[in-house]
Structure formats: C-alpha cells, structure tokens
Protein backbone atom coordinates (compact mmCIF):
# COMPACT_ATOMS: atom_id res chain seq x y z
CA MET A 1 -38.23 64.45 -26.52
CA ASP A 2 -36.52 61.13 -27.11
CA LEU A 3 -32.79 60.82 -27.75
CA LEU A 4 -32.65 57.56 -29.67
CA TRP A 5 -29.87 55.03 -30.12
CA GLY A 6 -27.82 55.91 -33.20
CA ASP A 7 -29.16 59.47 -33.48
CA GLU A 8 -26.53 62.13 -34.27
CA LYS A 9 -27.37 63.89 -31.00
CA THR A 10 -26.63 60.79 -28.88
CA LYS A 11 -23.42 60.12 -30.80
CA GLN A 12 -21.90 63.33 -29.42
CA PHE A 13 -21.28 61.82 -26.00
CA VAL A 14 -17.83 60.41 -25.22
CA THR A 15 -17.86 57.46 -22.84
CA ASN A 16 -15.73 54.67 -21.51
CA VAL A 17 -16.64 51.04 -22.15
CA GLY A 18 -17.85 49.34 -19.01
CA LEU A 19 -17.86 45.56 -19.18
CA ILE A 20 -20.47 44.62 -16.60
CA THR A 21 -20.21 41.08 -15.25
CA SER A 22 -22.94 39.34 -13.30
CA ASN A 23 -24.16 35.91 -12.27
CA GLY A 24 -27.78 35.08 -11.63
CA PRO A 25 -30.85 33.62 -13.34
CA TYR A 26 -29.10 33.86 -16.72
CA GLY A 27 -25.81 32.44 -15.42
CA GLU A 28 -22.41 34.08 -15.76
CA ASN A 29 -22.85 37.04 -18.07
CA ILE A 30 -21.04 40.05 -19.49
CA MET A 31 -22.44 43.09 -21.25
CA SER A 32 -21.03 46.35 -22.60
CA ALA A 33 -22.41 49.45 -20.91
CA GLU A 34 -21.30 52.86 -22.09
CA TRP A 35 -23.31 54.37 -19.21
CA THR A 36 -20.85 53.43 -16.49
CA HIS A 37 -20.06 56.25 -14.06
CA HIS A 38 -17.96 56.79 -10.96
CA ILE A 39 -20.30 58.88 -8.80
CA SER A 40 -18.73 59.07 -5.30
CA TYR A 41 -15.26 58.90 -3.78
CA SER A 42 -16.29 58.15 -0.20
CA PRO A 43 -17.84 55.71 -0.18
CA GLY A 44 -16.75 54.54 -3.61
CA LEU A 45 -19.90 54.32 -5.72
CA ILE A 46 -20.31 53.34 -9.36
CA ALA A 47 -23.55 53.62 -11.34
CA VAL A 48 -24.41 51.49 -14.35
CA CYS A 49 -27.51 52.04 -16.45
CA ILE A 50 -29.04 48.83 -17.75
CA ASN A 51 -32.03 48.27 -20.04
CA PHE A 52 -34.95 46.51 -18.33
CA ASP A 53 -34.87 43.59 -20.80
CA ASP A 54 -31.16 42.74 -20.44
CA ALA A 55 -30.01 39.53 -18.78
CA THR A 56 -27.66 41.67 -16.67
CA HIS A 57 -30.67 43.56 -15.31
CA ALA A 58 -32.27 40.33 -14.08
CA ASN A 59 -28.96 39.05 -12.71
CA ILE A 60 -28.29 42.21 -10.68
CA LYS A 61 -31.87 42.39 -9.37
CA GLU A 62 -31.59 38.79 -8.17
CA THR A 63 -28.08 38.78 -6.67
CA LYS A 64 -27.65 42.44 -5.65
CA GLU A 65 -24.07 42.54 -6.97
CA PHE A 66 -22.11 43.12 -10.17
CA GLY A 67 -18.60 43.62 -11.53
CA VAL A 68 -17.46 46.73 -13.35
CA ASN A 69 -14.50 46.21 -15.67
CA ILE A 70 -13.39 49.28 -17.63
CA ALA A 71 -12.16 48.03 -21.01
CA ALA A 72 -8.65 48.85 -22.16
CA THR A 73 -7.55 49.69 -25.68
CA GLY A 74 -7.07 46.38 -27.42
CA GLN A 75 -10.31 45.02 -25.93
CA SER A 76 -12.75 46.16 -28.60
CA ILE A 77 -13.46 42.50 -29.43
CA ILE A 78 -14.60 41.85 -25.84
CA SER A 79 -16.82 44.92 -25.99
CA SER A 80 -18.26 43.91 -29.36
CA VAL A 81 -19.08 40.37 -28.20
CA ALA A 82 -20.42 41.57 -24.82
CA GLY A 83 -22.63 44.18 -26.51
CA GLY A 84 -23.53 42.29 -29.67
CA SER A 85 -25.98 39.73 -28.28
CA THR A 86 -28.09 39.01 -25.25
CA GLY A 87 -27.05 36.87 -22.31
CA LYS A 88 -30.55 35.42 -22.43
CA GLU A 89 -29.58 33.57 -25.64
CA VAL A 90 -25.76 33.40 -25.75
CA ALA A 91 -23.15 32.28 -23.22
CA LYS A 92 -20.95 35.28 -24.06
CA ILE A 93 -18.25 34.48 -21.52
CA LYS A 94 -17.79 31.04 -23.13
CA VAL A 95 -17.50 32.72 -26.54
CA LEU A 96 -14.87 35.12 -25.18
CA GLU A 97 -12.91 32.31 -23.50
CA LYS A 98 -12.84 30.44 -26.84
CA LEU A 99 -11.46 33.64 -28.39
CA GLY A 100 -8.64 33.61 -25.83
CA PHE A 101 -9.88 36.18 -23.30
CA LYS A 102 -9.40 35.44 -19.62
CA PHE A 103 -11.54 35.93 -16.54
CA TYR A 104 -10.95 35.38 -12.82
CA LYS A 105 -13.21 34.81 -9.83
CA ALA A 106 -14.02 37.98 -7.92
CA LYS A 107 -12.82 38.14 -4.32
CA LYS A 108 -15.94 39.54 -2.61
CA ILE A 109 -18.81 38.89 -5.01
CA LYS A 110 -19.93 35.76 -6.86
CA THR A 111 -19.14 36.61 -10.44
CA LEU A 112 -16.22 36.67 -12.84
CA MET A 113 -14.02 39.67 -13.54
CA VAL A 114 -12.21 40.46 -16.82
CA GLU A 115 -8.42 40.24 -16.96
CA GLY A 116 -6.36 42.97 -18.63
CA VAL A 117 -8.76 45.89 -18.16
CA THR A 118 -7.86 49.32 -16.76
CA LEU A 119 -10.10 48.92 -13.70
CA ASN A 120 -11.85 46.05 -11.95
CA ALA A 121 -14.43 46.98 -9.32
CA GLU A 122 -16.57 44.53 -7.39
CA CYS A 123 -19.85 46.17 -6.38
CA LYS A 124 -22.66 45.39 -3.96
CA LEU A 125 -25.99 46.92 -4.96
CA LEU A 126 -26.82 49.99 -2.89
CA GLN A 127 -29.77 51.35 -4.87
CA ALA A 128 -31.78 50.67 -8.04
CA ILE A 129 -33.48 53.66 -9.62
CA LYS A 130 -35.82 53.39 -12.62
CA LEU A 131 -34.95 56.21 -15.03
CA GLY A 132 -36.74 56.27 -18.38
CA ASP A 133 -36.09 53.04 -20.25
CA HIS A 134 -33.21 51.93 -17.99
CA THR A 135 -32.51 51.16 -14.37
CA MET A 136 -29.55 52.90 -12.79
CA PHE A 137 -27.93 50.39 -10.46
CA VAL A 138 -25.72 52.13 -7.90
CA GLY A 139 -23.12 49.81 -6.47
CA GLU A 140 -20.80 50.32 -3.53
CA VAL A 141 -17.29 49.22 -4.39
CA VAL A 142 -16.16 46.44 -2.04
CA GLU A 143 -12.95 45.53 -3.90
CA ALA A 144 -11.05 47.27 -6.68
CA SER A 145 -7.79 47.17 -8.59
CA ALA A 146 -6.39 49.36 -11.35
CA ASN A 147 -3.87 48.73 -14.07
CA PRO A 148 -2.14 52.10 -14.63
CA ASN A 149 -0.22 50.66 -17.59
CA LYS A 150 -3.43 50.29 -19.59
CA GLU A 151 -5.37 53.07 -21.32
CA PRO A 152 -9.18 53.00 -21.30
CA LEU A 153 -11.07 52.22 -24.46
CA VAL A 154 -13.19 55.20 -25.53
CA TYR A 155 -16.56 55.04 -27.31
CA HIS A 156 -17.70 57.96 -29.49
CA LYS A 157 -19.91 58.26 -32.60
CA GLY A 158 -20.52 54.50 -32.61
CA LYS A 159 -16.79 53.71 -32.84
CA TYR A 160 -13.95 52.78 -30.52
CA TRP A 161 -11.14 55.25 -29.94
CA LYS A 162 -7.84 55.55 -28.13
CA ILE A 163 -7.18 58.65 -26.04
CA GLY A 164 -5.09 61.01 -28.12
CA GLU A 165 -3.19 64.20 -27.53
CA CYS A 166 -3.24 65.62 -24.01
CA ILE A 167 -4.70 69.13 -23.87
CA GLU A 168 -2.86 71.12 -21.23
CA LYS A 169 -4.71 72.92 -18.47
CA PRO A 170 -4.44 76.74 -18.41
CA GLY A 171 -1.03 78.06 -17.34
CA GLU A 172 -0.29 79.88 -14.08
CA LYS A 173 -0.79 83.35 -15.63
CA LYS A 174 -4.27 82.44 -16.93
CA ILE A 175 -5.17 80.70 -13.64
CA ASN A 176 -4.25 83.88 -11.72
CA GLU A 177 -6.37 85.97 -14.11
CA ILE A 178 -9.30 83.58 -13.59
CA ARG A 179 -8.88 83.69 -9.79
CA ALA A 180 -8.90 87.51 -9.84
CA LEU A 181 -12.15 87.48 -11.85
CA ILE A 182 -13.70 84.91 -9.50
CA ASP A 183 -12.80 87.10 -6.52
CA LYS A 184 -14.19 90.17 -8.27
CA PHE A 185 -17.52 88.49 -9.05
CA ARG A 186 -17.87 86.45 -5.86
CA LYS A 187 -21.44 86.61 -4.56
CA ARG A 188 -21.64 88.26 -1.17
CA ARG A 189 -24.19 87.14 1.37
C-alpha cells in the first residue's frame, strides 16, 4: 500500500522541519526535510530521508557530508523557499540571502549552516540506505550547537505550527500504580 504525499493518512504525522544544507554537484543547496530524525546518542547520529531526484541527494552522495538545521518558529519562509523548488534549477540560498536570512560556514564540513535555528548539526555520512522512494542518509554528528531560546517549527497536516500547551507527565501516585502493575506482570524467565 502506498502512503502518498498529501493523503489524509500521511498528514497525521507530526514532524520537525529539518533544513538540510549541502554542497556538491549542484552547488550550495538547502532543502526542507520533514523526515529528519535523531537516531543515536552515542555516537550522535541523525538520519535524513531524501528523494532520489533531489539535488541534495546528489550533493550528499558526492561529498559524504551534510548539515542539519532544525528550523525555529519564525522560519517558515526559509522552509517554504527551501522546500518549494529544486536546487537543480534555483539557487535557493541566494534567494534566502536576498530575503535577509543569514548563513555561516560550517566548522568541520564544507557547506553552509543556517543562523537562528534551534539546532545546527554538521554530519559526515556514515551510511546510505535505499528505502522505498527515498534514501535514508545516516550522518555522524561531528559538530553541533543548540539555541535553547528558540522553539522548533512543527509541521502537521501540511501547515506550520508552534508547540502549544505542555501536557504534564503522570503524577507520582499514577507512576507508582503503573510500577506496581509492571512488577505484577513482569515476564519471568
């Protein structure tokens, strides 16, 4: 069964907005990737899923590195420009610079990073795995910085959102009840 772009089923996922930067056969490039995932603490690994036809795909395959920039609220324009056209035809970073957005040179990879995001992570390619109509590029983080004063931009139902009300975790009484049930139903070997 296919789960197609724009289908009501695929709109149920809630994701961050990864702004993936790269430099390669298509020059300096940026794309929006909602499939951006932190997958390991030690070593720090991030996976991005990129369509085979994207300029970013070719750039990462060639250079074996990429930047992951998690967009902050207030950066929906960057995401819209980065995701609205292909780096094969448009110099999107130049467009964004003309719109007033700023970039800086990465410290340990040869690409630009986005200023003002919640997280910047420079990644060296560890593994490329073909999965369906995308390649999952797994990168090992070689440099990272976070901006705890910024909130991540959220993508859901084809729209951008800001994180809302915090839902509290269960209280101590409920946690103790859960622990007692876990102990009661623990599988014995």
